[in-house]
Amino acid sequence: MRTPGSPNQPVVVGVDGSEQSRIALRWAAEYAAHHHSPLQIIYAIDVPVDYGPGLSGPLFDAERLRSHGESVVAASKTEAAEIAASTAEIAISAAAVTGSPVTVLREHGDTARLLVVGSRGLGALPARWWSVSTVRRAAPTPSPSRSMRPPDEERIS
């Protein structure tokens, strides 16, 4: 197993298309370029299939969710390349991966130099369900992590 923080390990950033995830993406791209590390952009496609007794089966169009995820990672990859180019040329990969955000980010964060996420998802409430602290509590990873938030966002205890 590689030691977290070695140069060939990627900086992993979780994106979902929200402004907070774009803040995390920009920070992660600058950090990766500064440290000459590859950048790995991850979008988790979570298709719930069980809602409790009597309510099961996918209620969402999985192909539409995948298409949206792929467009988010493509736009994120372009933005990250533009940001990193001012500092250093780095390898950037991007993927829309099926699975819960916590599981997907934990798996990709296991061997990351750094795991970065935004402080909120697309909903109105803080994205505690996929924040760095949630990922770490669900299954601790050896990698350091960073949760980014806009400067004007209030802390919610």
Protein backbone atom coordinates (compact mmCIF):
# COMPACT_ATOMS: atom_id res chain seq x y z
CA MET A 1 0.00 0.00 0.00
CA ARG A 2 1.24 3.44 -0.89
CA THR A 3 1.69 6.05 1.80
CA PRO A 4 -0.90 8.85 1.53
CA GLY A 5 0.70 12.02 0.24
CA SER A 6 3.14 10.52 -2.25
CA PRO A 7 3.34 12.48 -5.54
CA ASN A 8 2.00 9.75 -7.83
CA GLN A 9 -1.22 9.43 -5.82
CA PRO A 10 -4.18 11.36 -7.20
CA VAL A 11 -6.03 14.19 -5.56
CA VAL A 12 -9.63 12.91 -5.63
CA VAL A 13 -12.49 15.39 -5.80
CA GLY A 14 -16.20 14.56 -5.59
CA VAL A 15 -18.43 16.66 -7.83
CA ASP A 16 -22.19 16.86 -8.33
CA GLY A 17 -22.64 20.03 -10.39
CA SER A 18 -23.41 22.26 -7.40
CA GLU A 19 -21.56 25.53 -6.80
CA GLN A 20 -19.99 24.05 -3.67
CA SER A 21 -18.60 21.13 -5.65
CA ARG A 22 -17.19 23.58 -8.20
CA ILE A 23 -15.41 25.38 -5.35
CA ALA A 24 -13.98 22.00 -4.26
CA LEU A 25 -13.01 21.23 -7.87
CA ARG A 26 -11.15 24.52 -8.33
CA TRP A 27 -9.30 24.11 -5.04
CA ALA A 28 -8.42 20.48 -5.81
CA ALA A 29 -7.16 21.38 -9.31
CA GLU A 30 -4.91 24.11 -7.91
CA TYR A 31 -3.64 21.82 -5.15
CA ALA A 32 -2.94 18.95 -7.58
CA ALA A 33 -1.10 21.26 -9.99
CA HIS A 34 0.95 22.80 -7.19
CA HIS A 35 1.98 19.33 -5.97
CA HIS A 36 2.35 17.85 -9.51
CA SER A 37 -0.19 15.16 -8.62
CA PRO A 38 -2.81 13.65 -10.92
CA LEU A 39 -6.39 14.82 -10.39
CA GLN A 40 -9.26 12.34 -10.30
CA ILE A 41 -12.78 13.79 -10.61
CA ILE A 42 -15.59 11.53 -9.36
CA TYR A 43 -19.36 11.85 -9.74
CA ALA A 44 -21.37 9.22 -7.82
CA ILE A 45 -24.59 8.05 -9.45
CA ASP A 46 -26.82 6.89 -6.64
CA VAL A 47 -30.03 5.25 -7.86
CA PRO A 48 -32.17 4.36 -4.84
CA VAL A 49 -34.15 1.17 -5.38
CA ASP A 50 -35.73 0.56 -1.97
CA TYR A 51 -37.93 3.06 -0.18
CA GLY A 52 -39.39 0.80 2.50
CA PRO A 53 -42.32 -1.62 2.61
CA GLY A 54 -44.49 -1.44 -0.49
CA LEU A 55 -42.33 1.15 -2.23
CA SER A 56 -39.51 -0.54 -4.09
CA GLY A 57 -38.05 -0.37 -7.56
CA PRO A 58 -36.21 2.46 -9.26
CA LEU A 59 -38.27 5.65 -9.32
CA PHE A 60 -35.55 7.49 -11.23
CA ASP A 61 -34.37 7.18 -14.81
CA ALA A 62 -30.91 5.65 -14.32
CA GLU A 63 -29.80 6.47 -17.87
CA ARG A 64 -30.75 10.11 -17.39
CA LEU A 65 -28.82 10.23 -14.11
CA ARG A 66 -25.78 8.68 -15.84
CA SER A 67 -26.02 11.16 -18.72
CA HIS A 68 -26.17 14.06 -16.28
CA GLY A 69 -23.21 12.67 -14.34
CA GLU A 70 -21.16 12.29 -17.51
CA SER A 71 -21.90 15.88 -18.54
CA VAL A 72 -20.90 17.13 -15.07
CA VAL A 73 -17.58 15.25 -15.13
CA ALA A 74 -16.82 16.40 -18.70
CA ALA A 75 -17.41 20.05 -17.76
CA SER A 76 -15.46 19.56 -14.53
CA LYS A 77 -12.52 18.04 -16.39
CA THR A 78 -12.40 21.00 -18.79
CA GLU A 79 -12.57 23.50 -15.94
CA ALA A 80 -9.89 21.68 -13.93
CA ALA A 81 -7.54 21.57 -16.94
CA GLU A 82 -7.90 25.32 -17.42
CA ILE A 83 -7.20 25.98 -13.74
CA ALA A 84 -4.23 23.61 -13.49
CA ALA A 85 -2.64 24.83 -16.75
CA SER A 86 -1.57 28.10 -15.13
CA THR A 87 0.61 26.16 -12.66
CA ALA A 88 1.59 22.78 -14.14
CA GLU A 89 0.47 20.19 -16.63
CA ILE A 90 -1.11 17.30 -14.71
CA ALA A 91 -2.99 14.15 -15.62
CA ILE A 92 -6.73 14.60 -15.12
CA SER A 93 -9.22 11.73 -15.17
CA ALA A 94 -12.95 11.96 -14.65
CA ALA A 95 -15.62 9.31 -14.16
CA ALA A 96 -19.30 8.96 -13.36
CA VAL A 97 -19.45 5.90 -11.09
CA THR A 98 -22.56 4.02 -9.97
CA GLY A 99 -22.88 3.74 -6.20
CA SER A 100 -23.63 5.73 -3.10
CA PRO A 101 -21.48 8.86 -2.78
CA VAL A 102 -20.06 7.71 0.56
CA THR A 103 -19.03 4.32 -0.79
CA VAL A 104 -17.66 5.62 -4.09
CA LEU A 105 -15.66 8.43 -2.49
CA ARG A 106 -14.34 6.15 0.24
CA GLU A 107 -13.16 3.59 -2.33
CA HIS A 108 -11.45 6.22 -4.48
CA GLY A 109 -10.11 8.03 -1.42
CA ASP A 110 -8.39 4.93 -0.02
CA THR A 111 -5.27 5.49 -2.11
CA ALA A 112 -5.62 9.23 -2.71
CA ARG A 113 -3.11 11.88 -1.80
CA LEU A 114 -6.10 13.96 -0.69
CA LEU A 115 -9.91 13.60 -0.84
CA VAL A 116 -11.81 16.87 -1.47
CA VAL A 117 -15.59 17.47 -1.43
CA GLY A 118 -17.88 20.47 -1.22
CA SER A 119 -19.81 21.31 1.92
CA ARG A 120 -23.23 20.89 0.31
CA GLY A 121 -24.77 18.90 -2.49
CA LEU A 122 -27.50 19.96 -4.86
CA GLY A 123 -30.14 20.10 -2.09
CA ALA A 124 -30.83 22.92 0.33
CA LEU A 125 -29.39 21.07 3.33
CA PRO A 126 -25.70 20.51 3.96
CA ALA A 127 -24.50 17.37 2.24
CA ARG A 128 -23.63 15.60 5.47
CA TRP A 129 -24.54 12.31 3.76
CA TRP A 130 -21.44 12.59 1.61
CA SER A 131 -19.24 15.05 3.42
CA VAL A 132 -15.67 14.12 4.25
CA SER A 133 -16.60 13.48 7.88
CA THR A 134 -19.38 11.11 6.80
CA VAL A 135 -17.03 9.26 4.47
CA ARG A 136 -14.45 8.94 7.25
CA ARG A 137 -17.03 7.72 9.82
CA ALA A 138 -18.53 5.17 7.40
CA ALA A 139 -15.12 3.60 6.76
CA PRO A 140 -11.97 5.45 7.67
CA THR A 141 -9.41 5.91 4.90
CA PRO A 142 -5.69 6.50 5.37
CA SER A 143 -5.85 9.59 3.14
CA PRO A 144 -6.14 13.16 4.38
CA SER A 145 -9.34 14.97 3.42
CA ARG A 146 -10.71 18.48 2.92
CA SER A 147 -14.29 19.78 2.79
CA MET A 148 -14.62 23.07 0.92
CA ARG A 149 -17.31 25.69 1.50
CA PRO A 150 -17.95 29.16 0.17
CA PRO A 151 -16.56 31.96 2.35
CA ASP A 152 -20.05 33.30 3.05
CA GLU A 153 -21.61 29.95 4.03
CA GLU A 154 -22.70 29.74 7.65
CA ARG A 155 -21.52 26.86 9.78
CA ILE A 156 -24.33 24.56 10.80
CA SER A 157 -23.70 22.61 14.00
